Amino acid sequence: MMSPLLDVENLWVKFPSRQGVFDAVRGVSFTLGRERLGIVGESGSGKSMTGRAILRLIRPPGIVQADHINLEGVNLLKKSERDMRAVRGQRISMVMQDPKFSLNPVMTIGDQIIEAYRLHNAASKSDAYQKSLDMLEAVSIRDPERVMRAYPHEMSGGMGQRIMIAMMLIPNPEILIADEPTSALDVSVQRQVLDIMDKLVKDRGMGLIFISHDLNLVADFCDRVLIMYAGRVVEVCDADKLHDAKHPYTRGLLNSLPRLDAPRARLEVLERDPEWSVAPSVSGRI
């Protein structure tokens, strides 16, 4: 069996507060191979914090602790901030949840994508421009030359999201962390973007961490799923078996979704058990 691209062991993310230390992520462990790994849960369950902690994007006073966060056998926690800059973007890219806050408002979109490409590749400006055009076309943007000249405020939310995906994929990373990458897209474009990501995972042998609250989307798109609750992983399962999940929290999430094949007059309300938040985190390692 091939060694995993990423191996996270006993990850904690903590924030000091006046009431004491708040644990946003608590003892999470998982591995990522050349696969599509979904992380699902409600808002505040620790999904995005887990993604940010891998790239060491948690700023003080936040604290990231883990036995290790190994990228192909090298512990990222032992790297200097300068070394981490070479990891971010080139080896692990992250598409943030709201693209409007990730794009520089005073630079054209073209300049930003070209900069992202040339930062990690020795390429002329004309080569980088052509590569940027190709990448915008790949994420289904019509008239990419006009978009290259435009500024972020001229773009809709869905366009901004596709531009961010293009920018994160242009350095050809080994791992892509996608935090709600299709939440602002309509269904037809959502499918196109997922198909692009799927093709990249297969063609380039990338690993994908797909963070979402859309269980049906994850069940359809991913290979494996981690279900998070209150900073812990409560269940791990194959994505195609997600609808057969056993944990009462996962069952509650599934039952609160409307279904075309089984319409109901009233959807169930999720009942929470205090025991879920104190049970040890389930390992997502393979």
C-alpha atoms as a PDB file:
ATOM      1  CA  MET A   1       0.000   0.000   0.000  1.00  0.00           C
ATOM      2  CA  MET A   2       1.260   3.500  -0.894  1.00  0.00           C
ATOM      3  CA  SER A   3       2.149   5.805   1.988  1.00  0.00           C
ATOM      4  CA  PRO A   4      -0.365   8.648   2.470  1.00  0.00           C
ATOM      5  CA  LEU A   5       0.237  12.168   1.188  1.00  0.00           C
ATOM      6  CA  LEU A   6      -0.851  13.601   4.530  1.00  0.00           C
ATOM      7  CA  ASP A   7      -0.922  12.062   8.006  1.00  0.00           C
ATOM      8  CA  VAL A   8      -2.484  14.070  10.845  1.00  0.00           C
ATOM      9  CA  GLU A   9      -2.212  12.625  14.354  1.00  0.00           C
ATOM     10  CA  ASN A  10      -4.000  14.008  17.453  1.00  0.00           C
ATOM     11  CA  LEU A  11      -4.605  17.561  16.172  1.00  0.00           C
ATOM     12  CA  TRP A  12      -5.832  20.186  18.648  1.00  0.00           C
ATOM     13  CA  VAL A  13      -6.649  23.853  17.960  1.00  0.00           C
ATOM     14  CA  LYS A  14      -7.082  25.980  21.096  1.00  0.00           C
ATOM     15  CA  PHE A  15      -8.051  29.595  21.736  1.00  0.00           C
ATOM     16  CA  PRO A  16      -7.593  31.243  25.151  1.00  0.00           C
ATOM     17  CA  SER A  17     -10.587  33.245  26.346  1.00  0.00           C
ATOM     18  CA  ARG A  18     -11.776  34.939  29.519  1.00  0.00           C
ATOM     19  CA  GLN A  19     -13.739  31.799  30.378  1.00  0.00           C
ATOM     20  CA  GLY A  20     -10.653  29.581  29.913  1.00  0.00           C
ATOM     21  CA  VAL A  21      -9.226  27.723  26.925  1.00  0.00           C
ATOM     22  CA  PHE A  22     -11.691  26.921  24.134  1.00  0.00           C
ATOM     23  CA  ASP A  23     -10.886  23.757  22.161  1.00  0.00           C
ATOM     24  CA  ALA A  24     -12.057  24.294  18.563  1.00  0.00           C
ATOM     25  CA  VAL A  25     -10.524  21.023  17.295  1.00  0.00           C
ATOM     26  CA  ARG A  26     -10.008  18.148  19.720  1.00  0.00           C
ATOM     27  CA  GLY A  27      -7.790  15.166  19.018  1.00  0.00           C
ATOM     28  CA  VAL A  28      -8.498  14.763  15.286  1.00  0.00           C
ATOM     29  CA  SER A  29      -6.501  12.081  13.426  1.00  0.00           C
ATOM     30  CA  PHE A  30      -6.742  11.107   9.754  1.00  0.00           C
ATOM     31  CA  THR A  31      -4.721  10.258   6.674  1.00  0.00           C
ATOM     32  CA  LEU A  32      -5.177  11.506   3.118  1.00  0.00           C
ATOM     33  CA  GLY A  33      -4.118   9.477   0.104  1.00  0.00           C
ATOM     34  CA  ARG A  34      -4.633  10.294  -3.566  1.00  0.00           C
ATOM     35  CA  GLU A  35      -8.356  10.488  -2.930  1.00  0.00           C
ATOM     36  CA  ARG A  36     -11.276  12.818  -2.243  1.00  0.00           C
ATOM     37  CA  LEU A  37     -11.764  13.042   1.531  1.00  0.00           C
ATOM     38  CA  GLY A  38     -14.909  14.823   2.704  1.00  0.00           C
ATOM     39  CA  ILE A  39     -15.165  16.544   6.098  1.00  0.00           C
ATOM     40  CA  VAL A  40     -18.757  17.351   7.061  1.00  0.00           C
ATOM     41  CA  GLY A  41     -20.578  18.758  10.068  1.00  0.00           C
ATOM     42  CA  GLU A  42     -22.562  21.759  11.221  1.00  0.00           C
ATOM     43  CA  SER A  43     -21.167  25.295  11.397  1.00  0.00           C
ATOM     44  CA  GLY A  44     -18.736  25.476  14.307  1.00  0.00           C
ATOM     45  CA  SER A  45     -17.876  21.765  14.277  1.00  0.00           C
ATOM     46  CA  GLY A  46     -14.187  22.471  13.519  1.00  0.00           C
ATOM     47  CA  LYS A  47     -14.091  21.617   9.788  1.00  0.00           C
ATOM     48  CA  SER A  48     -12.485  24.841   8.542  1.00  0.00           C
ATOM     49  CA  MET A  49     -10.188  25.063  11.582  1.00  0.00           C
ATOM     50  CA  THR A  50      -8.844  21.610  10.747  1.00  0.00           C
ATOM     51  CA  GLY A  51      -8.042  22.717   7.181  1.00  0.00           C
ATOM     52  CA  ARG A  52      -6.388  25.943   8.317  1.00  0.00           C
ATOM     53  CA  ALA A  53      -4.379  24.170  11.030  1.00  0.00           C
ATOM     54  CA  ILE A  54      -2.806  21.824   8.449  1.00  0.00           C
ATOM     55  CA  LEU A  55      -1.369  24.880   6.661  1.00  0.00           C
ATOM     56  CA  ARG A  56      -0.544  26.567   9.985  1.00  0.00           C
ATOM     57  CA  LEU A  57      -2.852  29.461   9.186  1.00  0.00           C
ATOM     58  CA  ILE A  58      -4.145  29.758  12.778  1.00  0.00           C
ATOM     59  CA  ARG A  59      -2.809  33.070  14.042  1.00  0.00           C
ATOM     60  CA  PRO A  60      -1.900  33.857  17.679  1.00  0.00           C
ATOM     61  CA  PRO A  61      -3.345  33.695  20.267  1.00  0.00           C
ATOM     62  CA  GLY A  62      -4.660  30.488  18.630  1.00  0.00           C
ATOM     63  CA  ILE A  63      -2.553  27.419  19.382  1.00  0.00           C
ATOM     64  CA  VAL A  64      -2.073  24.395  17.097  1.00  0.00           C
ATOM     65  CA  GLN A  65      -0.834  21.185  18.721  1.00  0.00           C
ATOM     66  CA  ALA A  66      -0.452  17.709  17.232  1.00  0.00           C
ATOM     67  CA  ASP A  67       1.718  14.622  17.554  1.00  0.00           C
ATOM     68  CA  HIS A  68       2.510  15.302  13.892  1.00  0.00           C
ATOM     69  CA  ILE A  69       1.147  16.759  10.658  1.00  0.00           C
ATOM     70  CA  ASN A  70       3.240  14.833   8.153  1.00  0.00           C
ATOM     71  CA  LEU A  71       3.306  15.854   4.479  1.00  0.00           C
ATOM     72  CA  GLU A  72       4.851  12.844   2.703  1.00  0.00           C
ATOM     73  CA  GLY A  73       6.718  11.963   5.908  1.00  0.00           C
ATOM     74  CA  VAL A  74       7.889  15.502   6.823  1.00  0.00           C
ATOM     75  CA  ASN A  75       6.350  17.107   9.925  1.00  0.00           C
ATOM     76  CA  LEU A  76       4.957  20.549   9.005  1.00  0.00           C
ATOM     77  CA  LEU A  77       4.909  21.575  12.683  1.00  0.00           C
ATOM     78  CA  LYS A  78       8.723  21.548  12.697  1.00  0.00           C
ATOM     79  CA  LYS A  79       9.074  23.805   9.649  1.00  0.00           C
ATOM     80  CA  SER A  80       9.907  27.494   9.974  1.00  0.00           C
ATOM     81  CA  GLU A  81       7.405  30.099   8.779  1.00  0.00           C
ATOM     82  CA  ARG A  82       9.672  30.743   5.780  1.00  0.00           C
ATOM     83  CA  ASP A  83       9.660  27.045   4.858  1.00  0.00           C
ATOM     84  CA  MET A  84       5.868  26.960   5.248  1.00  0.00           C
ATOM     85  CA  ARG A  85       5.532  29.674   2.570  1.00  0.00           C
ATOM     86  CA  ALA A  86       7.021  27.205   0.095  1.00  0.00           C
ATOM     87  CA  VAL A  87       4.466  24.575   1.190  1.00  0.00           C
ATOM     88  CA  ARG A  88       1.438  26.892   0.950  1.00  0.00           C
ATOM     89  CA  GLY A  89       0.240  27.145  -2.605  1.00  0.00           C
ATOM     90  CA  GLN A  90       2.931  25.023  -4.219  1.00  0.00           C
ATOM     91  CA  ARG A  91       2.398  21.741  -2.325  1.00  0.00           C
ATOM     92  CA  ILE A  92      -0.897  22.372  -0.484  1.00  0.00           C
ATOM     93  CA  SER A  93      -3.431  24.913  -1.765  1.00  0.00           C
ATOM     94  CA  MET A  94      -6.566  26.010   0.075  1.00  0.00           C
ATOM     95  CA  VAL A  95      -9.694  27.509  -1.462  1.00  0.00           C
ATOM     96  CA  MET A  96     -11.243  29.659   1.264  1.00  0.00           C
ATOM     97  CA  GLN A  97     -14.964  29.846   1.913  1.00  0.00           C
ATOM     98  CA  ASP A  98     -15.516  33.454   0.828  1.00  0.00           C
ATOM     99  CA  PRO A  99     -13.496  34.396  -2.267  1.00  0.00           C
ATOM    100  CA  LYS A 100     -14.291  38.098  -1.961  1.00  0.00           C
ATOM    101  CA  PHE A 101     -12.045  38.329   1.122  1.00  0.00           C
ATOM    102  CA  SER A 102      -9.250  36.258  -0.448  1.00  0.00           C
ATOM    103  CA  LEU A 103      -8.785  38.392  -3.578  1.00  0.00           C
ATOM    104  CA  ASN A 104      -6.841  41.663  -3.483  1.00  0.00           C
ATOM    105  CA  PRO A 105      -9.367  44.448  -4.291  1.00  0.00           C
ATOM    106  CA  VAL A 106      -6.765  46.800  -5.870  1.00  0.00           C
ATOM    107  CA  MET A 107      -5.162  44.291  -8.281  1.00  0.00           C
ATOM    108  CA  THR A 108      -6.706  42.973 -11.476  1.00  0.00           C
ATOM    109  CA  ILE A 109      -7.689  39.326 -11.418  1.00  0.00           C
ATOM    110  CA  GLY A 110      -5.164  38.590 -14.171  1.00  0.00           C
ATOM    111  CA  ASP A 111      -2.274  40.093 -12.195  1.00  0.00           C
ATOM    112  CA  GLN A 112      -3.239  38.031  -9.137  1.00  0.00           C
ATOM    113  CA  ILE A 113      -3.416  34.715 -11.017  1.00  0.00           C
ATOM    114  CA  ILE A 114      -0.156  35.443 -12.875  1.00  0.00           C
ATOM    115  CA  GLU A 115       1.522  36.282  -9.557  1.00  0.00           C
ATOM    116  CA  ALA A 116       0.281  33.001  -8.025  1.00  0.00           C
ATOM    117  CA  TYR A 117       1.746  31.071 -10.971  1.00  0.00           C
ATOM    118  CA  ARG A 118       5.106  32.886 -11.226  1.00  0.00           C
ATOM    119  CA  LEU A 119       5.653  32.677  -7.463  1.00  0.00           C
ATOM    120  CA  HIS A 120       6.226  28.928  -7.830  1.00  0.00           C
ATOM    121  CA  ASN A 121       7.253  28.598 -11.495  1.00  0.00           C
ATOM    122  CA  ALA A 122      10.107  30.132 -13.495  1.00  0.00           C
ATOM    123  CA  ALA A 123       7.917  31.401 -16.345  1.00  0.00           C
ATOM    124  CA  SER A 124       7.826  34.503 -18.505  1.00  0.00           C
ATOM    125  CA  LYS A 125       4.921  36.902 -18.095  1.00  0.00           C
ATOM    126  CA  SER A 126       3.480  35.911 -21.500  1.00  0.00           C
ATOM    127  CA  ASP A 127       3.614  32.176 -20.619  1.00  0.00           C
ATOM    128  CA  ALA A 128       2.012  32.888 -17.241  1.00  0.00           C
ATOM    129  CA  TYR A 129      -0.700  34.972 -18.944  1.00  0.00           C
ATOM    130  CA  GLN A 130      -1.560  32.132 -21.324  1.00  0.00           C
ATOM    131  CA  LYS A 131      -1.537  29.586 -18.483  1.00  0.00           C
ATOM    132  CA  SER A 132      -3.887  31.851 -16.500  1.00  0.00           C
ATOM    133  CA  LEU A 133      -6.277  32.149 -19.448  1.00  0.00           C
ATOM    134  CA  ASP A 134      -6.301  28.362 -19.846  1.00  0.00           C
ATOM    135  CA  MET A 135      -7.023  27.877 -16.141  1.00  0.00           C
ATOM    136  CA  LEU A 136      -9.932  30.348 -16.193  1.00  0.00           C
ATOM    137  CA  GLU A 137     -11.392  28.497 -19.181  1.00  0.00           C
ATOM    138  CA  ALA A 138     -10.948  25.224 -17.279  1.00  0.00           C
ATOM    139  CA  VAL A 139     -13.222  26.504 -14.488  1.00  0.00           C
ATOM    140  CA  SER A 140     -15.937  27.436 -17.029  1.00  0.00           C
ATOM    141  CA  ILE A 141     -15.381  31.195 -17.158  1.00  0.00           C
ATOM    142  CA  ARG A 142     -16.593  32.680 -20.434  1.00  0.00           C
ATOM    143  CA  ASP A 143     -14.531  35.506 -21.963  1.00  0.00           C
ATOM    144  CA  PRO A 144     -11.476  34.918 -19.730  1.00  0.00           C
ATOM    145  CA  GLU A 145      -9.570  37.838 -21.329  1.00  0.00           C
ATOM    146  CA  ARG A 146     -12.191  40.285 -20.025  1.00  0.00           C
ATOM    147  CA  VAL A 147     -12.055  38.652 -16.566  1.00  0.00           C
ATOM    148  CA  MET A 148      -8.240  38.943 -16.537  1.00  0.00           C
ATOM    149  CA  ARG A 149      -8.596  42.742 -16.927  1.00  0.00           C
ATOM    150  CA  ALA A 150     -11.377  43.043 -14.316  1.00  0.00           C
ATOM    151  CA  TYR A 151     -11.176  43.751 -10.567  1.00  0.00           C
ATOM    152  CA  PRO A 152     -12.673  41.476  -7.876  1.00  0.00           C
ATOM    153  CA  HIS A 153     -15.572  43.853  -7.072  1.00  0.00           C
ATOM    154  CA  GLU A 154     -16.810  43.452 -10.659  1.00  0.00           C
ATOM    155  CA  MET A 155     -17.332  39.719 -10.173  1.00  0.00           C
ATOM    156  CA  SER A 156     -20.337  37.895  -8.716  1.00  0.00           C
ATOM    157  CA  GLY A 157     -19.852  35.512  -5.783  1.00  0.00           C
ATOM    158  CA  GLY A 158     -19.914  32.485  -8.055  1.00  0.00           C
ATOM    159  CA  MET A 159     -17.369  34.012 -10.452  1.00  0.00           C
ATOM    160  CA  GLY A 160     -15.140  34.935  -7.511  1.00  0.00           C
ATOM    161  CA  GLN A 161     -15.287  31.361  -6.271  1.00  0.00           C
ATOM    162  CA  ARG A 162     -14.264  29.951  -9.648  1.00  0.00           C
ATOM    163  CA  ILE A 163     -11.421  32.481  -9.930  1.00  0.00           C
ATOM    164  CA  MET A 164     -10.118  31.400  -6.501  1.00  0.00           C
ATOM    165  CA  ILE A 165     -10.245  27.739  -7.530  1.00  0.00           C
ATOM    166  CA  ALA A 166      -8.288  28.574 -10.711  1.00  0.00           C
ATOM    167  CA  MET A 167      -5.718  30.527  -8.683  1.00  0.00           C
ATOM    168  CA  MET A 168      -5.231  27.719  -6.160  1.00  0.00           C
ATOM    169  CA  LEU A 169      -4.886  25.040  -8.837  1.00  0.00           C
ATOM    170  CA  ILE A 170      -2.507  26.878 -11.166  1.00  0.00           C
ATOM    171  CA  PRO A 171       0.675  25.998  -9.162  1.00  0.00           C
ATOM    172  CA  ASN A 172      -0.288  22.299  -9.573  1.00  0.00           C
ATOM    173  CA  PRO A 173      -0.343  21.396  -5.841  1.00  0.00           C
ATOM    174  CA  GLU A 174      -0.185  17.854  -4.442  1.00  0.00           C
ATOM    175  CA  ILE A 175      -3.093  18.528  -2.051  1.00  0.00           C
ATOM    176  CA  LEU A 176      -6.074  20.859  -2.415  1.00  0.00           C
ATOM    177  CA  ILE A 177      -8.091  21.825   0.661  1.00  0.00           C
ATOM    178  CA  ALA A 178     -11.446  23.115  -0.582  1.00  0.00           C
ATOM    179  CA  ASP A 179     -13.531  24.870   2.094  1.00  0.00           C
ATOM    180  CA  GLU A 180     -17.139  25.025   0.834  1.00  0.00           C
ATOM    181  CA  PRO A 181     -15.819  25.630  -2.726  1.00  0.00           C
ATOM    182  CA  THR A 182     -19.212  25.397  -4.436  1.00  0.00           C
ATOM    183  CA  SER A 183     -21.501  27.074  -1.879  1.00  0.00           C
ATOM    184  CA  ALA A 184     -21.984  30.230  -4.005  1.00  0.00           C
ATOM    185  CA  LEU A 185     -22.460  28.380  -7.302  1.00  0.00           C
ATOM    186  CA  ASP A 186     -25.665  27.309  -8.975  1.00  0.00           C
ATOM    187  CA  VAL A 187     -26.218  23.581  -9.459  1.00  0.00           C
ATOM    188  CA  SER A 188     -25.036  23.319 -13.092  1.00  0.00           C
ATOM    189  CA  VAL A 189     -21.800  25.249 -12.470  1.00  0.00           C
ATOM    190  CA  GLN A 190     -21.322  23.388  -9.179  1.00  0.00           C
ATOM    191  CA  ARG A 191     -21.236  20.114 -11.128  1.00  0.00           C
ATOM    192  CA  GLN A 192     -18.727  21.558 -13.622  1.00  0.00           C
ATOM    193  CA  VAL A 193     -16.374  22.706 -10.837  1.00  0.00           C
ATOM    194  CA  LEU A 194     -16.630  19.340  -9.066  1.00  0.00           C
ATOM    195  CA  ASP A 195     -15.864  17.577 -12.353  1.00  0.00           C
ATOM    196  CA  ILE A 196     -12.756  19.774 -12.755  1.00  0.00           C
ATOM    197  CA  MET A 197     -11.568  18.868  -9.246  1.00  0.00           C
ATOM    198  CA  ASP A 198     -12.355  15.205  -9.844  1.00  0.00           C
ATOM    199  CA  LYS A 199     -10.326  15.201 -13.068  1.00  0.00           C
ATOM    200  CA  LEU A 200      -7.356  16.863 -11.334  1.00  0.00           C
ATOM    201  CA  VAL A 201      -7.359  14.290  -8.535  1.00  0.00           C
ATOM    202  CA  LYS A 202      -7.376  11.467 -11.090  1.00  0.00           C
ATOM    203  CA  ASP A 203      -5.030  12.958 -13.714  1.00  0.00           C
ATOM    204  CA  ARG A 204      -2.459  14.539 -11.385  1.00  0.00           C
ATOM    205  CA  GLY A 205      -2.751  12.080  -8.514  1.00  0.00           C
ATOM    206  CA  MET A 206      -3.753  14.891  -6.146  1.00  0.00           C
ATOM    207  CA  GLY A 207      -5.294  14.521  -2.724  1.00  0.00           C
ATOM    208  CA  LEU A 208      -8.437  16.557  -2.046  1.00  0.00           C
ATOM    209  CA  ILE A 209      -9.900  17.542   1.331  1.00  0.00           C
ATOM    210  CA  PHE A 210     -13.455  18.668   0.599  1.00  0.00           C
ATOM    211  CA  ILE A 211     -14.987  20.594   3.525  1.00  0.00           C
ATOM    212  CA  SER A 212     -18.754  20.952   3.316  1.00  0.00           C
ATOM    213  CA  HIS A 213     -22.043  20.863   5.195  1.00  0.00           C
ATOM    214  CA  ASP A 214     -23.851  19.346   2.185  1.00  0.00           C
ATOM    215  CA  LEU A 215     -24.061  15.634   3.009  1.00  0.00           C
ATOM    216  CA  ASN A 216     -25.694  14.646  -0.274  1.00  0.00           C
ATOM    217  CA  LEU A 217     -22.991  16.403  -2.283  1.00  0.00           C
ATOM    218  CA  VAL A 218     -20.207  14.763  -0.266  1.00  0.00           C
ATOM    219  CA  ALA A 219     -21.831  11.324  -0.527  1.00  0.00           C
ATOM    220  CA  ASP A 220     -21.981  11.735  -4.301  1.00  0.00           C
ATOM    221  CA  PHE A 221     -18.535  13.271  -4.849  1.00  0.00           C
ATOM    222  CA  CYS A 222     -16.061  11.983  -2.230  1.00  0.00           C
ATOM    223  CA  ASP A 223     -14.394   8.628  -1.556  1.00  0.00           C
ATOM    224  CA  ARG A 224     -14.337   8.761   2.266  1.00  0.00           C
ATOM    225  CA  VAL A 225     -16.056  11.022   4.796  1.00  0.00           C
ATOM    226  CA  LEU A 226     -15.175  12.256   8.290  1.00  0.00           C
ATOM    227  CA  ILE A 227     -18.193  13.507  10.261  1.00  0.00           C
ATOM    228  CA  MET A 228     -17.263  16.159  12.842  1.00  0.00           C
ATOM    229  CA  TYR A 229     -19.178  17.326  15.898  1.00  0.00           C
ATOM    230  CA  ALA A 230     -17.916  19.816  18.527  1.00  0.00           C
ATOM    231  CA  GLY A 231     -14.308  19.607  17.315  1.00  0.00           C
ATOM    232  CA  ARG A 232     -14.155  15.791  17.215  1.00  0.00           C
ATOM    233  CA  VAL A 233     -14.565  13.163  14.518  1.00  0.00           C
ATOM    234  CA  VAL A 234     -17.592  11.099  15.570  1.00  0.00           C
ATOM    235  CA  GLU A 235     -17.762   8.762  12.561  1.00  0.00           C
ATOM    236  CA  VAL A 236     -15.743   7.753   9.490  1.00  0.00           C
ATOM    237  CA  CYS A 237     -17.263   5.926   6.538  1.00  0.00           C
ATOM    238  CA  ASP A 238     -17.021   5.353   2.799  1.00  0.00           C
ATOM    239  CA  ALA A 239     -18.889   8.142   1.007  1.00  0.00           C
ATOM    240  CA  ASP A 240     -21.138   5.770  -0.917  1.00  0.00           C
ATOM    241  CA  LYS A 241     -22.238   4.254   2.423  1.00  0.00           C
ATOM    242  CA  LEU A 242     -22.880   7.620   4.121  1.00  0.00           C
ATOM    243  CA  HIS A 243     -26.663   7.097   4.041  1.00  0.00           C
ATOM    244  CA  ASP A 244     -26.127   3.870   6.027  1.00  0.00           C
ATOM    245  CA  ALA A 245     -24.170   5.693   8.768  1.00  0.00           C
ATOM    246  CA  LYS A 246     -24.651   4.412  12.313  1.00  0.00           C
ATOM    247  CA  HIS A 247     -23.821   7.340  14.635  1.00  0.00           C
ATOM    248  CA  PRO A 248     -26.984   9.102  15.886  1.00  0.00           C
ATOM    249  CA  TYR A 249     -25.506  12.523  15.005  1.00  0.00           C
ATOM    250  CA  THR A 250     -24.900  11.510  11.385  1.00  0.00           C
ATOM    251  CA  ARG A 251     -28.353   9.902  11.246  1.00  0.00           C
ATOM    252  CA  GLY A 252     -29.846  13.124  12.635  1.00  0.00           C
ATOM    253  CA  LEU A 253     -28.105  15.231   9.973  1.00  0.00           C
ATOM    254  CA  LEU A 254     -29.317  12.908   7.221  1.00  0.00           C
ATOM    255  CA  ASN A 255     -32.889  12.856   8.549  1.00  0.00           C
ATOM    256  CA  SER A 256     -33.018  16.654   8.676  1.00  0.00           C
ATOM    257  CA  LEU A 257     -32.483  16.855   4.890  1.00  0.00           C
ATOM    258  CA  PRO A 258     -35.422  16.948   2.472  1.00  0.00           C
ATOM    259  CA  ARG A 259     -35.508  14.005   0.040  1.00  0.00           C
ATOM    260  CA  LEU A 260     -37.298  13.855  -3.307  1.00  0.00           C
ATOM    261  CA  ASP A 261     -37.646  10.074  -3.120  1.00  0.00           C
ATOM    262  CA  ALA A 262     -39.158  10.157   0.385  1.00  0.00           C
ATOM    263  CA  PRO A 263     -41.111  13.405   0.919  1.00  0.00           C
ATOM    264  CA  ARG A 264     -42.299  14.140   4.451  1.00  0.00           C
ATOM    265  CA  ALA A 265     -44.676  16.737   5.850  1.00  0.00           C
ATOM    266  CA  ARG A 266     -42.194  17.707   8.596  1.00  0.00           C
ATOM    267  CA  LEU A 267     -38.415  17.263   8.760  1.00  0.00           C
ATOM    268  CA  GLU A 268     -36.828  15.937  11.951  1.00  0.00           C
ATOM    269  CA  VAL A 269     -35.045  18.272  14.372  1.00  0.00           C
ATOM    270  CA  LEU A 270     -31.578  17.098  15.392  1.00  0.00           C
ATOM    271  CA  GLU A 271     -31.536  15.927  19.010  1.00  0.00           C
ATOM    272  CA  ARG A 272     -28.075  16.308  20.581  1.00  0.00           C
ATOM    273  CA  ASP A 273     -26.630  14.076  23.290  1.00  0.00           C
ATOM    274  CA  PRO A 274     -24.026  15.670  25.662  1.00  0.00           C
ATOM    275  CA  GLU A 275     -22.102  12.361  25.495  1.00  0.00           C
ATOM    276  CA  TRP A 276     -21.167  13.037  21.844  1.00  0.00           C
ATOM    277  CA  SER A 277     -18.965  16.008  22.751  1.00  0.00           C
ATOM    278  CA  VAL A 278     -16.950  14.114  25.378  1.00  0.00           C
ATOM    279  CA  ALA A 279     -16.521  10.795  23.549  1.00  0.00           C
ATOM    280  CA  PRO A 280     -12.999  10.259  22.159  1.00  0.00           C
ATOM    281  CA  SER A 281     -12.408  11.289  18.549  1.00  0.00           C
ATOM    282  CA  VAL A 282     -12.660   8.461  15.995  1.00  0.00           C
ATOM    283  CA  SER A 283      -9.538   7.936  13.864  1.00  0.00           C
ATOM    284  CA  GLY A 284      -9.830   8.584  10.144  1.00  0.00           C
ATOM    285  CA  ARG A 285      -6.481   6.928   9.413  1.00  0.00           C
ATOM    286  CA  ILE A 286      -6.104   4.084   6.922  1.00  0.00           C
END
